[in-house]
Protein backbone atom coordinates (compact mmCIF):
# COMPACT_ATOMS: atom_id res chain seq x y z
CA MET A 1 0.00 -0.13 -0.10
CA PHE A 2 1.32 3.75 -0.88
CA SER A 3 1.19 6.56 1.47
CA GLY A 4 -0.54 9.27 1.36
CA ARG A 5 1.91 11.58 1.44
CA ALA A 6 4.04 9.76 -0.69
CA PHE A 7 1.48 11.13 -3.82
CA THR A 8 0.95 15.05 -4.08
CA SER A 9 -2.89 15.50 -3.98
CA GLU A 10 -4.64 17.81 -6.86
CA LYS A 11 -5.49 19.48 -3.46
CA ASP A 12 -2.01 19.96 -2.74
CA ILE A 13 -1.61 20.58 -6.47
CA GLU A 14 -4.36 22.71 -6.15
CA GLU A 15 -2.61 24.72 -3.00
CA LEU A 16 0.71 24.97 -5.03
CA ALA A 17 -0.29 26.90 -8.47
CA LYS A 18 -2.73 29.30 -5.90
CA LEU A 19 0.81 29.98 -4.19
CA LYS A 20 3.11 30.45 -7.20
CA GLU A 21 0.02 32.79 -8.92
CA GLN A 22 0.41 34.86 -5.41
CA VAL A 23 4.44 34.82 -5.83
CA GLU A 24 4.12 36.14 -9.20
CA GLU A 25 1.63 38.93 -8.39
CA LEU A 26 3.92 40.09 -5.34
CA GLN A 27 6.96 39.72 -7.23
CA LEU A 28 4.96 41.67 -10.58
CA LYS A 29 4.75 44.85 -7.30
CA LEU A 30 7.78 44.69 -5.91
CA ARG A 31 9.27 45.09 -9.60
CA GLU A 32 6.39 47.68 -10.07
CA LYS A 33 7.07 49.77 -6.69
CA ASP A 34 11.24 49.10 -7.53
CA GLU A 35 10.56 51.22 -10.87
CA LEU A 36 8.40 53.69 -8.99
CA LEU A 37 11.42 54.28 -6.56
CA LYS A 38 13.93 54.70 -9.22
CA SER A 39 11.73 57.06 -10.36
CA ALA A 40 11.28 59.17 -7.51
CA GLU A 41 15.14 58.72 -6.51
CA ASN A 42 16.11 60.44 -10.14
CA SER A 43 13.08 63.25 -8.93
CA ARG A 44 15.03 63.86 -6.18
CA ASP A 45 17.98 64.08 -7.73
CA GLN A 46 16.99 66.58 -10.41
CA MET A 47 15.24 68.09 -8.24
CA ASN A 48 18.76 68.89 -6.21
CA THR A 49 20.50 69.60 -9.16
CA VAL A 50 17.60 72.80 -9.95
CA ASN A 51 18.04 73.76 -6.62
CA ALA A 52 21.47 74.20 -6.36
CA LYS A 53 21.57 76.02 -9.29
CA LEU A 54 19.15 77.66 -7.81
CA ASP A 55 21.34 78.70 -4.49
CA GLU A 56 23.84 79.68 -7.13
CA MET A 57 21.60 81.84 -9.22
CA LYS A 58 20.80 83.61 -6.17
CA HIS A 59 24.15 84.66 -4.80
CA GLN A 60 24.93 85.55 -8.71
CA VAL A 61 22.24 87.99 -7.79
CA SER A 62 22.92 88.60 -4.09
CA GLU A 63 26.64 90.44 -5.91
CA LYS A 64 25.18 91.90 -8.23
CA GLU A 65 22.71 93.47 -6.33
CA TYR A 66 25.47 95.35 -3.85
CA SER A 67 27.54 96.29 -7.30
CA LEU A 68 24.79 97.74 -8.05
CA LYS A 69 24.62 99.64 -4.88
CA TYR A 70 28.18 100.32 -4.35
CA ALA A 71 28.04 101.94 -7.94
CA GLN A 72 24.43 103.71 -6.99
CA GLN A 73 26.28 105.68 -3.69
CA GLN A 74 29.71 106.42 -5.08
CA LEU A 75 27.81 108.09 -8.10
CA SER A 76 26.04 110.04 -5.07
CA ASP A 77 29.04 110.76 -3.41
CA ALA A 78 30.02 112.48 -6.66
CA LYS A 79 27.18 113.37 -7.23
CA VAL A 80 27.51 115.73 -3.57
CA LEU A 81 31.27 116.63 -4.95
CA ILE A 82 30.04 118.49 -8.20
């Protein structure tokens, strides 16, 4: 006589098929989430680059404003002397 566990029952085969399907679905979700994470990381890196450029431009604007105020002060001082 054969043991009941020696052969895979139809119920076991169905359960294995369901589990395999669930694993495949989870793998798909994981790949999708990995893609979203990579996209978010790329967006973050782009924003960091834009923010660095913006900071540099703000610094340049500050320098130019200072130069303009200095030039205006020199012009004002020259007018007083004239």
